[in-house]
Amino acid sequence: MAEQFDAIVIGAGEAGVAHAARMAASGKRVALIEAGPPGETWLDEAGIATRALAESARAIWTARHAGRFGVTLAGPVGLDMRAVRNRKTRLVQGAGAALAERLGGLKHLTRLQGQARFVAPNGIMVGKRLLGAPEILLDIGTRPRMPNWPGLDSVSHLTPATISALDSLPGHLIVVGASAAGLEFAQIQARFGAKVSVIEAGPHPLAGEDEEVASLMRTALEADGVSFLFNTTVDAVDWAGHGVLASLRSGRRLASIEGTHLLLAPEPVPMAEGLDLAAAGIAVDEAGFVIVDADGHTGAAGVRALGPGTVGGAFACNRVMTDPAFIRLGMTTAQLRRAGRPLKVAMRKDGEKDQPAECIRLLADAGTGALLGASLLGPEAAVLAAALRPFILSGAAPDPAALLLPARLEARLSRLLSGFSPLK
């Protein structure tokens, strides 16, 4: 006999925790299932450690460039990597404790740890326990797609989950993958003072994102000293002196690069192993991402999916904690073209000397005007995302009169919304 709940949430990332907490607070009996240690996924997706390191990197960047802003310093700017790491650890621990207190106070929430597996659209096994609910929410997370290069098993390497534990500055950090995590840590370490080289198999950073915005991101990181090798893959890695040697291939050209540290940050893949999605009739694309409609429905009765491991929904979001920050809401140009949607686009670029680049790129249905996607780069990205998200979620055409923004941003966005043109 299955244990019955009003709702089951599988995955404790940002979306899963938020929905589970809201439903439990409303009086629903909710089971929240976490495959890993309690709170680990939420802390990772919320980027607590990354944000803490980025704040330290921003602080030292500002101090080193104080003269640009008319500020003089009495002495040289120094960096204490152990103090940086310890501050990060304190913030992560504090956020974890706050999350545990928040969820622990919800009497209608049951937290379970273990691998969830579908046995039916409304039936879930966790270990030997059978759970049932009319409403199931999947919070599908992602992880880096680890390569299988010759020599990798014998070479020390970092991942986005382990690099934040460094307490010394790399001499030369080689980052493989211009993914969100790859760019975040490339900029952080470059601002700390490390030499950083990013190797990317594609032609621009943030594969899958619109190229116009990705190129601005590249320019911003290059200004911080990050160097890029695009259209380049790694054939093998090996020890070299006190570091690592990577053998590279770009078309027919062979080369190599030597560094002290190696960070693996390829584009992520969904963490759907063991869920047995087919047992519930849940479809995935060729890369394993769960296919959903604009409202997150999977096609299986009563089952919705959110989070970075989904594709096709209005809830889709890609966030990169670089400086300037990047947020993409909804769908990309490539995704919408594959879906056969007629599109129109509006785009605005800004950026003054000594200020971060800014870009707003909006995609709308050419017929209805419904806002389908927004790519936002700049220090105001989060504010703009909060204003535009309701329109994308509702499938409505954005109404300038309904924008809740500071006057300066409202005027800028209102002008942009009146300037859509067909996307060729």
Protein backbone atom coordinates (compact mmCIF):
# COMPACT_ATOMS: atom_id res chain seq x y z
CA MET A 1 0.00 0.00 0.00
CA ALA A 2 1.42 3.35 -1.04
CA GLU A 3 1.90 6.19 1.43
CA GLN A 4 -0.36 8.93 0.13
CA PHE A 5 0.58 12.60 -0.08
CA ASP A 6 -1.08 15.59 -1.68
CA ALA A 7 2.10 16.26 -3.64
CA ILE A 8 5.53 14.74 -4.18
CA VAL A 9 8.52 16.88 -5.12
CA ILE A 10 11.52 15.03 -6.55
CA GLY A 11 14.68 17.11 -6.37
CA ALA A 12 15.59 19.79 -3.86
CA GLY A 13 17.02 22.50 -6.07
CA GLU A 14 15.77 26.08 -5.96
CA ALA A 15 12.51 25.33 -7.78
CA GLY A 16 11.80 22.12 -5.87
CA VAL A 17 12.40 23.65 -2.43
CA ALA A 18 10.34 26.76 -3.22
CA HIS A 19 7.35 24.78 -4.48
CA ALA A 20 7.52 22.19 -1.69
CA ALA A 21 7.67 24.90 0.97
CA ARG A 22 4.81 26.87 -0.53
CA MET A 23 2.53 23.84 -0.82
CA ALA A 24 3.37 22.61 2.69
CA ALA A 25 2.75 26.07 4.13
CA SER A 26 -0.70 26.04 2.53
CA GLY A 27 -1.57 22.83 4.39
CA LYS A 28 -0.82 20.21 1.75
CA ARG A 29 0.98 17.04 2.80
CA VAL A 30 4.19 17.14 0.74
CA ALA A 31 7.04 14.66 0.35
CA LEU A 32 10.35 16.26 -0.68
CA ILE A 33 12.84 13.69 -2.00
CA GLU A 34 16.56 14.49 -2.17
CA ALA A 35 19.04 12.11 -3.78
CA GLY A 36 22.08 13.68 -2.11
CA PRO A 37 22.85 15.10 1.33
CA PRO A 38 20.13 17.42 2.67
CA GLY A 39 20.41 20.91 1.23
CA GLU A 40 23.34 20.14 -1.08
CA THR A 41 21.46 20.63 -4.36
CA TRP A 42 19.78 23.84 -3.18
CA LEU A 43 23.09 25.33 -2.08
CA ASP A 44 24.66 24.41 -5.41
CA GLU A 45 21.87 25.80 -7.60
CA ALA A 46 21.53 28.93 -5.47
CA GLY A 47 25.25 29.48 -6.10
CA ILE A 48 26.05 30.48 -2.52
CA ALA A 49 29.72 29.51 -2.79
CA THR A 50 30.12 31.01 -6.27
CA ARG A 51 28.47 34.25 -5.23
CA ALA A 52 30.70 34.55 -2.17
CA LEU A 53 33.86 34.11 -4.27
CA ALA A 54 32.55 36.49 -6.93
CA GLU A 55 31.97 39.14 -4.27
CA SER A 56 35.58 38.81 -3.11
CA ALA A 57 36.78 38.96 -6.73
CA ARG A 58 34.68 42.06 -7.35
CA ALA A 59 36.11 43.69 -4.22
CA ILE A 60 39.72 43.18 -5.28
CA TRP A 61 38.92 44.27 -8.86
CA THR A 62 37.38 47.49 -7.53
CA ALA A 63 40.37 48.16 -5.28
CA ARG A 64 42.85 47.58 -8.09
CA HIS A 65 40.89 49.89 -10.41
CA ALA A 66 40.11 52.51 -7.78
CA GLY A 67 41.91 55.18 -9.76
CA ARG A 68 39.29 54.97 -12.51
CA PHE A 69 36.75 56.25 -10.02
CA GLY A 70 38.90 58.98 -8.51
CA VAL A 71 39.91 56.92 -5.48
CA THR A 72 43.49 56.61 -4.28
CA LEU A 73 44.82 53.87 -1.99
CA ALA A 74 47.61 54.25 0.55
CA GLY A 75 49.29 50.93 -0.30
CA PRO A 76 49.21 47.90 -2.58
CA VAL A 77 46.15 45.65 -2.74
CA GLY A 78 46.70 42.16 -1.35
CA LEU A 79 44.78 38.88 -1.46
CA ASP A 80 44.43 36.34 1.35
CA MET A 81 43.02 33.22 -0.33
CA ARG A 82 42.51 31.40 2.96
CA ALA A 83 40.45 34.28 4.29
CA VAL A 84 38.46 34.29 1.03
CA ARG A 85 37.80 30.56 1.37
CA ASN A 86 36.86 30.86 5.04
CA ARG A 87 34.37 33.64 4.30
CA LYS A 88 32.82 31.48 1.57
CA THR A 89 32.54 28.55 3.99
CA ARG A 90 30.81 30.69 6.62
CA LEU A 91 28.26 31.95 4.11
CA VAL A 92 27.53 28.46 2.79
CA GLN A 93 27.11 27.08 6.30
CA GLY A 94 24.85 29.97 7.26
CA ALA A 95 22.66 29.49 4.19
CA GLY A 96 22.45 25.75 4.84
CA ALA A 97 21.39 26.32 8.44
CA ALA A 98 18.75 28.86 7.36
CA LEU A 99 17.35 26.40 4.81
CA ALA A 100 17.20 23.59 7.38
CA GLU A 101 15.39 25.88 9.84
CA ARG A 102 12.94 27.01 7.18
CA LEU A 103 12.02 23.51 6.04
CA GLY A 104 12.11 22.08 9.55
CA GLY A 105 9.36 24.47 10.58
CA LEU A 106 6.88 23.09 8.01
CA LYS A 107 4.85 20.43 9.82
CA HIS A 108 3.21 19.17 6.62
CA LEU A 109 6.56 18.56 4.88
CA THR A 110 8.24 15.14 4.93
CA ARG A 111 11.87 15.08 3.77
CA LEU A 112 13.19 11.83 2.36
CA GLN A 113 16.74 11.05 1.23
CA GLY A 114 17.35 8.49 -1.49
CA GLN A 115 16.96 7.73 -5.18
CA ALA A 116 13.42 8.25 -6.46
CA ARG A 117 12.09 5.97 -9.20
CA PHE A 118 8.81 6.08 -11.09
CA VAL A 119 6.71 2.90 -11.07
CA ALA A 120 3.68 4.70 -12.52
CA PRO A 121 2.77 8.30 -13.39
CA ASN A 122 1.59 8.83 -9.80
CA GLY A 123 3.71 6.20 -8.05
CA ILE A 124 7.25 6.70 -6.71
CA MET A 125 9.61 4.25 -5.04
CA VAL A 126 12.26 5.56 -2.62
CA GLY A 127 14.26 2.65 -1.33
CA LYS A 128 11.58 0.20 -0.16
CA ARG A 129 8.91 2.88 0.35
CA LEU A 130 6.12 3.33 -2.18
CA LEU A 131 4.69 6.84 -2.34
CA GLY A 132 1.65 8.10 -4.21
CA ALA A 133 0.24 11.56 -4.97
CA PRO A 134 -2.07 13.16 -7.54
CA GLU A 135 0.52 15.90 -8.10
CA ILE A 136 4.21 15.23 -8.75
CA LEU A 137 6.81 17.90 -9.44
CA LEU A 138 10.23 17.06 -10.86
CA ASP A 139 13.06 19.46 -10.15
CA ILE A 140 15.59 18.10 -12.63
CA GLY A 141 19.07 19.34 -11.86
CA THR A 142 22.17 19.13 -14.02
CA ARG A 143 25.82 18.15 -13.67
CA PRO A 144 28.87 18.66 -15.89
CA ARG A 145 29.30 16.08 -18.65
CA MET A 146 32.65 14.60 -17.62
CA PRO A 147 35.01 13.73 -20.52
CA ASN A 148 36.90 10.45 -20.94
CA TRP A 149 40.20 11.76 -22.30
CA PRO A 150 43.26 9.53 -22.14
CA GLY A 151 45.24 10.37 -19.03
CA LEU A 152 42.43 12.08 -17.13
CA ASP A 153 42.26 9.39 -14.43
CA SER A 154 45.90 9.99 -13.50
CA VAL A 155 45.78 13.82 -13.54
CA SER A 156 44.55 15.95 -10.68
CA HIS A 157 41.64 18.09 -11.80
CA LEU A 158 38.96 20.37 -10.40
CA THR A 159 35.21 20.58 -10.99
CA PRO A 160 32.78 23.44 -10.26
CA ALA A 161 31.96 21.64 -7.01
CA THR A 162 35.58 21.43 -5.80
CA ILE A 163 37.32 24.58 -7.08
CA SER A 164 35.74 26.74 -4.38
CA ALA A 165 37.82 24.86 -1.78
CA LEU A 166 41.13 26.21 -3.16
CA ASP A 167 43.11 28.17 -0.58
CA SER A 168 45.94 29.20 -2.89
CA LEU A 169 46.01 31.06 -6.19
CA PRO A 170 46.57 28.95 -9.34
CA GLY A 171 49.54 29.96 -11.43
CA HIS A 172 47.74 29.11 -14.66
CA LEU A 173 44.18 27.78 -14.58
CA ILE A 174 43.04 25.88 -17.67
CA VAL A 175 39.25 25.83 -17.88
CA VAL A 176 37.72 23.32 -20.28
CA GLY A 177 34.26 24.49 -21.20
CA ALA A 178 32.89 28.03 -21.59
CA SER A 179 29.74 27.00 -19.72
CA ALA A 180 28.10 29.14 -17.04
CA ALA A 181 30.26 27.60 -14.33
CA GLY A 182 33.37 27.76 -16.50
CA LEU A 183 32.92 31.48 -17.12
CA GLU A 184 32.11 32.25 -13.50
CA PHE A 185 35.24 30.63 -12.13
CA ALA A 186 37.40 31.87 -15.00
CA GLN A 187 36.53 35.46 -14.14
CA ILE A 188 36.84 34.92 -10.39
CA GLN A 189 40.33 33.44 -10.65
CA ALA A 190 41.45 36.02 -13.23
CA ARG A 191 40.38 38.84 -10.92
CA PHE A 192 42.20 37.19 -8.05
CA GLY A 193 45.32 37.40 -10.21
CA ALA A 194 45.65 33.98 -11.87
CA LYS A 195 46.42 33.45 -15.52
CA VAL A 196 43.30 31.84 -17.02
CA SER A 197 42.79 30.08 -20.36
CA VAL A 198 39.36 28.80 -21.43
CA ILE A 199 39.09 26.03 -24.02
CA GLU A 200 35.72 25.71 -25.75
CA ALA A 201 34.67 23.26 -28.46
CA GLY A 202 32.12 25.68 -29.91
CA PRO A 203 32.50 29.06 -31.60
CA HIS A 204 31.43 31.20 -28.63
CA PRO A 205 30.82 30.96 -24.88
CA LEU A 206 27.52 29.78 -23.40
CA ALA A 207 26.67 27.23 -26.09
CA GLY A 208 23.01 27.39 -26.99
CA GLU A 209 22.56 31.00 -25.94
CA ASP A 210 22.06 33.76 -28.48
CA GLU A 211 25.41 34.68 -30.01
CA GLU A 212 25.00 38.46 -29.80
CA VAL A 213 24.84 38.36 -26.02
CA ALA A 214 27.48 35.63 -25.71
CA SER A 215 29.97 37.77 -27.64
CA LEU A 216 29.52 40.62 -25.17
CA MET A 217 30.17 38.18 -22.33
CA ARG A 218 33.41 37.13 -24.05
CA THR A 219 34.53 40.75 -24.36
CA ALA A 220 33.84 41.42 -20.68
CA LEU A 221 35.92 38.45 -19.53
CA GLU A 222 38.75 39.23 -21.92
CA ALA A 223 38.93 42.67 -20.29
CA ASP A 224 39.62 40.83 -17.01
CA GLY A 225 42.52 38.95 -18.60
CA VAL A 226 40.77 35.69 -19.53
CA SER A 227 42.00 34.21 -22.83
CA PHE A 228 39.81 31.95 -24.99
CA LEU A 229 40.51 29.16 -27.45
CA PHE A 230 37.31 28.50 -29.42
CA ASN A 231 36.55 25.63 -31.82
CA THR A 232 39.13 23.65 -29.85
CA THR A 233 38.87 20.25 -28.19
CA VAL A 234 41.11 18.29 -25.81
CA ASP A 235 42.55 15.01 -27.11
CA ALA A 236 44.39 13.95 -23.94
CA VAL A 237 45.91 15.23 -20.70
CA ASP A 238 49.08 14.30 -18.83
CA TRP A 239 51.28 15.44 -15.97
CA ALA A 240 53.79 18.14 -16.81
CA GLY A 241 56.26 19.42 -14.25
CA HIS A 242 54.15 20.75 -11.38
CA GLY A 243 50.91 20.84 -13.37
CA VAL A 244 49.05 19.44 -16.33
CA LEU A 245 49.60 19.33 -20.09
CA ALA A 246 46.55 19.28 -22.38
CA SER A 247 46.86 18.16 -26.00
CA LEU A 248 44.56 20.25 -28.17
CA ARG A 249 42.95 19.94 -31.59
CA SER A 250 41.40 22.70 -33.68
CA GLY A 251 40.43 21.37 -37.07
CA ARG A 252 43.64 19.87 -38.48
CA ARG A 253 45.87 21.95 -36.21
CA LEU A 254 47.39 20.27 -33.16
CA ALA A 255 48.71 22.19 -30.17
CA SER A 256 49.19 21.91 -26.44
CA ILE A 257 48.80 24.05 -23.36
CA GLU A 258 50.41 23.68 -19.94
CA GLY A 259 48.93 24.90 -16.66
CA THR A 260 49.14 24.42 -12.93
CA HIS A 261 45.44 23.60 -12.46
CA LEU A 262 42.74 22.05 -14.64
CA LEU A 263 39.04 22.85 -14.22
CA LEU A 264 36.49 20.69 -16.03
CA ALA A 265 33.37 22.75 -16.72
CA PRO A 266 31.69 21.36 -19.84
CA GLU A 267 28.06 22.05 -20.69
CA PRO A 268 25.76 20.32 -18.18
CA VAL A 269 23.59 17.26 -18.69
CA PRO A 270 20.40 16.47 -16.75
CA MET A 271 20.60 14.34 -13.63
CA ALA A 272 17.78 11.95 -14.55
CA GLU A 273 19.62 8.68 -13.98
CA GLY A 274 17.59 6.13 -12.07
CA LEU A 275 14.29 8.01 -12.26
CA ASP A 276 12.90 5.60 -14.91
CA LEU A 277 11.00 8.40 -16.60
CA ALA A 278 9.72 6.02 -19.27
CA ALA A 279 7.65 4.19 -16.64
CA ALA A 280 5.61 7.37 -16.24
CA GLY A 281 5.49 8.14 -19.95
CA ILE A 282 7.73 11.19 -19.62
CA ALA A 283 9.54 12.14 -22.83
CA VAL A 284 13.11 13.46 -23.05
CA ASP A 285 15.07 14.97 -25.92
CA GLU A 286 18.23 13.56 -27.47
CA ALA A 287 20.36 15.01 -24.68
CA GLY A 288 18.15 13.64 -21.90
CA PHE A 289 16.42 16.92 -20.98
CA VAL A 290 12.79 16.49 -19.94
CA ILE A 291 10.42 17.94 -22.56
CA VAL A 292 7.74 20.20 -21.10
CA ASP A 293 5.15 22.64 -22.40
CA ALA A 294 4.96 26.32 -21.50
CA ASP A 295 3.45 25.49 -18.10
CA GLY A 296 5.92 22.74 -17.24
CA HIS A 297 3.59 19.81 -17.98
CA THR A 298 5.42 16.68 -19.10
CA GLY A 299 2.58 14.88 -20.87
CA ALA A 300 2.18 12.43 -17.98
CA ALA A 301 -1.00 13.14 -16.04
CA GLY A 302 -0.30 15.13 -12.89
CA VAL A 303 3.45 15.39 -13.49
CA ARG A 304 5.20 18.72 -14.06
CA ALA A 305 8.91 19.38 -14.37
CA LEU A 306 10.95 22.49 -13.64
CA GLY A 307 14.61 23.27 -13.21
CA PRO A 308 17.67 23.37 -15.45
CA GLY A 309 17.19 19.78 -16.64
CA THR A 310 14.07 20.65 -18.65
CA VAL A 311 13.56 22.07 -22.13
CA GLY A 312 10.66 23.91 -23.73
CA GLY A 313 9.01 25.60 -20.76
CA ALA A 314 8.37 29.24 -20.03
CA PHE A 315 9.95 28.58 -16.63
CA ALA A 316 13.34 27.96 -18.28
CA CYS A 317 16.10 30.13 -16.90
CA ASN A 318 19.87 30.28 -17.32
CA ARG A 319 21.76 32.42 -14.83
CA VAL A 320 25.47 33.23 -14.95
CA MET A 321 26.99 35.00 -11.95
CA THR A 322 29.67 36.88 -13.82
CA ASP A 323 30.25 40.63 -13.82
CA PRO A 324 28.24 41.72 -15.74
CA ALA A 325 25.61 39.13 -14.81
CA PHE A 326 23.63 37.21 -17.43
CA ILE A 327 20.07 35.88 -17.13
CA ARG A 328 18.08 34.21 -19.88
CA LEU A 329 14.36 33.67 -19.36
CA GLY A 330 12.17 31.45 -21.51
CA MET A 331 13.49 30.04 -24.76
CA THR A 332 16.40 30.86 -27.08
CA THR A 333 16.29 31.73 -30.74
CA ALA A 334 17.48 28.25 -31.72
CA GLN A 335 14.85 26.52 -29.57
CA LEU A 336 12.03 28.65 -30.94
CA ARG A 337 13.13 28.16 -34.53
CA ARG A 338 13.17 24.39 -34.02
CA ALA A 339 9.62 24.72 -32.73
CA GLY A 340 8.66 26.57 -35.91
CA ARG A 341 7.59 29.77 -34.17
CA PRO A 342 7.54 32.97 -36.29
CA LEU A 343 9.60 35.47 -34.32
CA LYS A 344 10.29 39.14 -33.91
CA VAL A 345 13.17 40.59 -31.95
CA ALA A 346 14.08 43.75 -30.07
CA MET A 347 17.61 44.42 -28.89
CA ARG A 348 19.46 47.21 -27.13
CA LYS A 349 23.15 47.42 -26.23
CA ASP A 350 24.63 49.90 -23.79
CA GLY A 351 27.83 50.34 -21.87
CA GLU A 352 29.89 53.36 -21.02
CA LYS A 353 33.62 53.56 -20.41
CA ASP A 354 34.63 51.89 -17.13
CA GLN A 355 31.12 50.43 -16.79
CA PRO A 356 29.97 46.84 -17.46
CA ALA A 357 28.42 46.05 -20.81
CA GLU A 358 24.62 45.94 -20.90
CA CYS A 359 22.35 44.17 -23.35
CA ILE A 360 18.62 43.41 -23.51
CA ARG A 361 17.43 41.03 -26.23
CA LEU A 362 13.76 40.10 -26.37
CA LEU A 363 12.03 37.46 -28.50
CA ALA A 364 8.29 37.56 -29.15
CA ASP A 365 5.78 35.70 -31.28
CA ALA A 366 5.51 37.56 -34.59
CA GLY A 367 1.73 37.12 -34.65
CA THR A 368 0.47 37.45 -31.10
CA GLY A 369 3.27 39.52 -29.61
CA ALA A 370 3.61 37.07 -26.70
CA LEU A 371 7.00 37.40 -25.02
CA LEU A 372 8.82 34.08 -25.43
CA GLY A 373 12.39 34.77 -24.35
CA ALA A 374 14.64 37.42 -22.85
CA SER A 375 18.43 37.53 -22.73
CA LEU A 376 19.66 40.07 -20.18
CA LEU A 377 23.28 41.06 -19.63
CA GLY A 378 24.35 43.73 -17.19
CA PRO A 379 24.26 44.86 -13.57
CA GLU A 380 20.47 45.31 -13.74
CA ALA A 381 19.79 41.84 -15.19
CA ALA A 382 18.05 40.53 -12.06
CA VAL A 383 15.77 43.58 -11.80
CA LEU A 384 14.80 43.34 -15.47
CA ALA A 385 14.24 39.59 -15.17
CA ALA A 386 11.83 40.08 -12.27
CA ALA A 387 9.82 42.57 -14.35
CA LEU A 388 9.71 40.45 -17.51
CA ARG A 389 9.20 37.00 -15.98
CA PRO A 390 5.41 37.40 -15.41
CA PHE A 391 4.86 38.14 -19.10
CA ILE A 392 6.84 35.09 -20.20
CA LEU A 393 5.05 32.83 -17.71
CA SER A 394 1.61 34.11 -18.73
CA GLY A 395 2.31 33.97 -22.47
CA ALA A 396 1.14 37.57 -22.78
CA ALA A 397 2.46 40.48 -24.79
CA PRO A 398 4.40 42.78 -22.44
CA ASP A 399 2.52 45.91 -21.39
CA PRO A 400 4.86 48.86 -20.75
CA ALA A 401 2.29 50.35 -18.39
CA ALA A 402 2.48 47.26 -16.18
CA LEU A 403 6.27 47.26 -15.74
CA LEU A 404 7.40 47.56 -12.14
CA LEU A 405 10.82 49.15 -12.60
CA PRO A 406 12.83 52.19 -11.57
CA ALA A 407 12.04 55.11 -13.87
CA ARG A 408 15.33 54.91 -15.78
CA LEU A 409 14.94 51.23 -16.58
CA GLU A 410 11.21 51.57 -17.27
CA ALA A 411 11.85 54.20 -19.92
CA ARG A 412 14.60 52.14 -21.54
CA LEU A 413 12.53 48.96 -21.63
CA SER A 414 9.39 50.75 -22.83
CA ARG A 415 11.27 52.13 -25.83
CA LEU A 416 12.62 48.68 -26.58
CA LEU A 417 9.17 47.07 -26.44
CA SER A 418 7.95 49.45 -29.13
CA GLY A 419 10.84 48.57 -31.44
CA PHE A 420 10.35 44.92 -32.40
CA SER A 421 11.27 43.86 -35.93
CA PRO A 422 10.95 40.50 -37.73
CA LEU A 423 13.76 38.07 -36.98
CA LYS A 424 15.33 36.97 -40.24
